[in-house]
Amino acid sequence: MSKRRVSPKVLTDIGRTRIDALLGFAMEAARQGNDGRARRYVELAGRISAKTQVPMPRDVRICRRCSIPLVPGINCTVRLRNHMVCTTCGLCGEIRRRPYLKEQSHD
């Protein structure tokens, strides 16, 4: 018997729904203070993302060093400095800086 083939579109749809569900579970676990479980959910979502070649959503902020979802006020701090958004992880201290002004006028 031959293996049943799944079309690439169905595979990406399945991957996207599972990644979204796992990241939602990770955010809930991080809000409840269960960091180990949140880290595991993010790792599983990353594996599914790599296997199905679906990019991770950009709306969920994840620490690059300790792979935990960042929830402002619970496990990270967010500050505005010099036209940058500085997000500091509360567990490992990783600082992530992003500009929030694309262009500055030099008048």
C-alpha atoms as a PDB file:
ATOM      1  CA  MET A   1       0.000   0.000   0.000  1.00  0.00           C
ATOM      2  CA  SER A   2       1.167   3.490  -0.741  1.00  0.00           C
ATOM      3  CA  LYS A   3       1.288   6.298   1.777  1.00  0.00           C
ATOM      4  CA  ARG A   4      -1.487   8.830   1.792  1.00  0.00           C
ATOM      5  CA  ARG A   5      -0.215  12.175   0.485  1.00  0.00           C
ATOM      6  CA  VAL A   6      -1.254  15.494   1.967  1.00  0.00           C
ATOM      7  CA  SER A   7      -1.265  18.534  -0.285  1.00  0.00           C
ATOM      8  CA  PRO A   8       1.119  21.361   0.663  1.00  0.00           C
ATOM      9  CA  LYS A   9      -1.746  23.831   1.179  1.00  0.00           C
ATOM     10  CA  VAL A  10      -3.467  21.529   3.657  1.00  0.00           C
ATOM     11  CA  LEU A  11      -0.134  20.961   5.398  1.00  0.00           C
ATOM     12  CA  THR A  12       0.496  24.702   5.825  1.00  0.00           C
ATOM     13  CA  ASP A  13      -3.071  25.255   7.081  1.00  0.00           C
ATOM     14  CA  ILE A  14      -2.660  22.496   9.679  1.00  0.00           C
ATOM     15  CA  GLY A  15       0.735  23.882  10.700  1.00  0.00           C
ATOM     16  CA  ARG A  16      -0.561  27.432  11.040  1.00  0.00           C
ATOM     17  CA  THR A  17      -3.533  26.416  13.207  1.00  0.00           C
ATOM     18  CA  ARG A  18      -1.352  24.275  15.469  1.00  0.00           C
ATOM     19  CA  ILE A  19       1.264  27.008  15.831  1.00  0.00           C
ATOM     20  CA  ASP A  20      -1.412  29.565  16.711  1.00  0.00           C
ATOM     21  CA  ALA A  21      -2.943  27.213  19.287  1.00  0.00           C
ATOM     22  CA  LEU A  22       0.419  26.405  20.891  1.00  0.00           C
ATOM     23  CA  LEU A  23       1.418  30.065  21.108  1.00  0.00           C
ATOM     24  CA  GLY A  24      -1.937  30.856  22.697  1.00  0.00           C
ATOM     25  CA  PHE A  25      -1.338  28.120  25.272  1.00  0.00           C
ATOM     26  CA  ALA A  26       2.175  29.515  25.848  1.00  0.00           C
ATOM     27  CA  MET A  27       0.821  33.005  26.530  1.00  0.00           C
ATOM     28  CA  GLU A  28      -1.701  31.631  29.032  1.00  0.00           C
ATOM     29  CA  ALA A  29       0.984  29.576  30.780  1.00  0.00           C
ATOM     30  CA  ALA A  30       3.272  32.631  30.970  1.00  0.00           C
ATOM     31  CA  ARG A  31       0.443  34.718  32.455  1.00  0.00           C
ATOM     32  CA  GLN A  32      -0.109  32.054  35.113  1.00  0.00           C
ATOM     33  CA  GLY A  33       3.620  31.957  35.935  1.00  0.00           C
ATOM     34  CA  ASN A  34       4.304  28.467  34.571  1.00  0.00           C
ATOM     35  CA  ASP A  35       7.495  29.309  32.677  1.00  0.00           C
ATOM     36  CA  GLY A  36       8.613  25.747  31.930  1.00  0.00           C
ATOM     37  CA  ARG A  37       5.348  24.854  30.263  1.00  0.00           C
ATOM     38  CA  ALA A  38       5.327  28.119  28.271  1.00  0.00           C
ATOM     39  CA  ARG A  39       8.878  27.432  27.051  1.00  0.00           C
ATOM     40  CA  ARG A  40       7.899  23.910  25.977  1.00  0.00           C
ATOM     41  CA  TYR A  41       4.904  25.195  23.997  1.00  0.00           C
ATOM     42  CA  VAL A  42       7.128  27.715  22.183  1.00  0.00           C
ATOM     43  CA  GLU A  43       9.676  24.996  21.367  1.00  0.00           C
ATOM     44  CA  LEU A  44       6.946  22.741  19.939  1.00  0.00           C
ATOM     45  CA  ALA A  45       5.566  25.629  17.869  1.00  0.00           C
ATOM     46  CA  GLY A  46       9.085  26.278  16.527  1.00  0.00           C
ATOM     47  CA  ARG A  47       9.495  22.647  15.521  1.00  0.00           C
ATOM     48  CA  ILE A  48       6.156  22.648  13.723  1.00  0.00           C
ATOM     49  CA  SER A  49       7.104  25.921  12.032  1.00  0.00           C
ATOM     50  CA  ALA A  50      10.374  24.440  10.770  1.00  0.00           C
ATOM     51  CA  LYS A  51       8.794  21.165   9.664  1.00  0.00           C
ATOM     52  CA  THR A  52       5.884  22.725   7.758  1.00  0.00           C
ATOM     53  CA  GLN A  53       7.895  25.765   6.552  1.00  0.00           C
ATOM     54  CA  VAL A  54       5.337  28.175   8.019  1.00  0.00           C
ATOM     55  CA  PRO A  55       6.820  31.339   9.572  1.00  0.00           C
ATOM     56  CA  MET A  56       6.171  32.074  13.224  1.00  0.00           C
ATOM     57  CA  PRO A  57       3.654  34.905  13.708  1.00  0.00           C
ATOM     58  CA  ARG A  58       5.224  38.268  14.493  1.00  0.00           C
ATOM     59  CA  ASP A  59       2.487  39.468  16.834  1.00  0.00           C
ATOM     60  CA  VAL A  60       3.627  37.139  19.656  1.00  0.00           C
ATOM     61  CA  ARG A  61       6.816  38.459  21.257  1.00  0.00           C
ATOM     62  CA  ILE A  62       9.241  35.728  22.294  1.00  0.00           C
ATOM     63  CA  CYS A  63      12.568  36.144  24.091  1.00  0.00           C
ATOM     64  CA  ARG A  64      15.373  35.005  21.818  1.00  0.00           C
ATOM     65  CA  ARG A  65      17.624  33.831  24.634  1.00  0.00           C
ATOM     66  CA  CYS A  66      15.267  31.876  26.916  1.00  0.00           C
ATOM     67  CA  SER A  67      12.358  31.222  24.426  1.00  0.00           C
ATOM     68  CA  ILE A  68       9.554  32.353  26.655  1.00  0.00           C
ATOM     69  CA  PRO A  69       6.617  34.480  25.499  1.00  0.00           C
ATOM     70  CA  LEU A  70       6.969  38.033  26.782  1.00  0.00           C
ATOM     71  CA  VAL A  71       3.938  39.419  28.611  1.00  0.00           C
ATOM     72  CA  PRO A  72       4.414  43.085  29.608  1.00  0.00           C
ATOM     73  CA  GLY A  73       3.985  43.628  33.328  1.00  0.00           C
ATOM     74  CA  ILE A  74       4.377  39.945  34.181  1.00  0.00           C
ATOM     75  CA  ASN A  75       7.732  38.763  32.872  1.00  0.00           C
ATOM     76  CA  CYS A  76       9.080  41.740  30.905  1.00  0.00           C
ATOM     77  CA  THR A  77       9.323  45.510  31.005  1.00  0.00           C
ATOM     78  CA  VAL A  78       8.737  47.831  28.056  1.00  0.00           C
ATOM     79  CA  ARG A  79      10.314  51.290  27.943  1.00  0.00           C
ATOM     80  CA  LEU A  80      10.465  54.037  25.307  1.00  0.00           C
ATOM     81  CA  ARG A  81      13.936  55.565  24.933  1.00  0.00           C
ATOM     82  CA  ASN A  82      15.473  57.609  22.114  1.00  0.00           C
ATOM     83  CA  HIS A  83      12.855  56.608  19.543  1.00  0.00           C
ATOM     84  CA  MET A  84      13.332  52.945  20.483  1.00  0.00           C
ATOM     85  CA  VAL A  85      11.036  50.440  22.147  1.00  0.00           C
ATOM     86  CA  CYS A  86      13.222  48.582  24.678  1.00  0.00           C
ATOM     87  CA  THR A  87      11.803  45.261  25.875  1.00  0.00           C
ATOM     88  CA  THR A  88      13.703  43.604  28.732  1.00  0.00           C
ATOM     89  CA  CYS A  89      13.055  39.972  29.648  1.00  0.00           C
ATOM     90  CA  GLY A  90      12.496  39.525  33.367  1.00  0.00           C
ATOM     91  CA  LEU A  91      14.000  36.028  33.469  1.00  0.00           C
ATOM     92  CA  CYS A  92      17.262  36.271  31.541  1.00  0.00           C
ATOM     93  CA  GLY A  93      17.726  40.051  31.154  1.00  0.00           C
ATOM     94  CA  GLU A  94      17.829  40.011  27.341  1.00  0.00           C
ATOM     95  CA  ILE A  95      17.186  43.496  25.915  1.00  0.00           C
ATOM     96  CA  ARG A  96      15.489  43.872  22.553  1.00  0.00           C
ATOM     97  CA  ARG A  97      15.417  47.293  20.900  1.00  0.00           C
ATOM     98  CA  ARG A  98      13.167  48.270  18.001  1.00  0.00           C
ATOM     99  CA  PRO A  99      12.770  51.699  16.407  1.00  0.00           C
ATOM    100  CA  TYR A 100       9.301  53.172  16.451  1.00  0.00           C
ATOM    101  CA  LEU A 101       9.932  56.127  14.139  1.00  0.00           C
ATOM    102  CA  LYS A 102      10.766  55.184  10.582  1.00  0.00           C
ATOM    103  CA  GLU A 103      11.919  58.613   9.468  1.00  0.00           C
ATOM    104  CA  GLN A 104      13.019  61.632  11.421  1.00  0.00           C
ATOM    105  CA  SER A 105      12.880  65.093   9.947  1.00  0.00           C
ATOM    106  CA  HIS A 106      16.109  67.096  10.154  1.00  0.00           C
ATOM    107  CA  ASP A 107      14.564  70.592  10.244  1.00  0.00           C
END
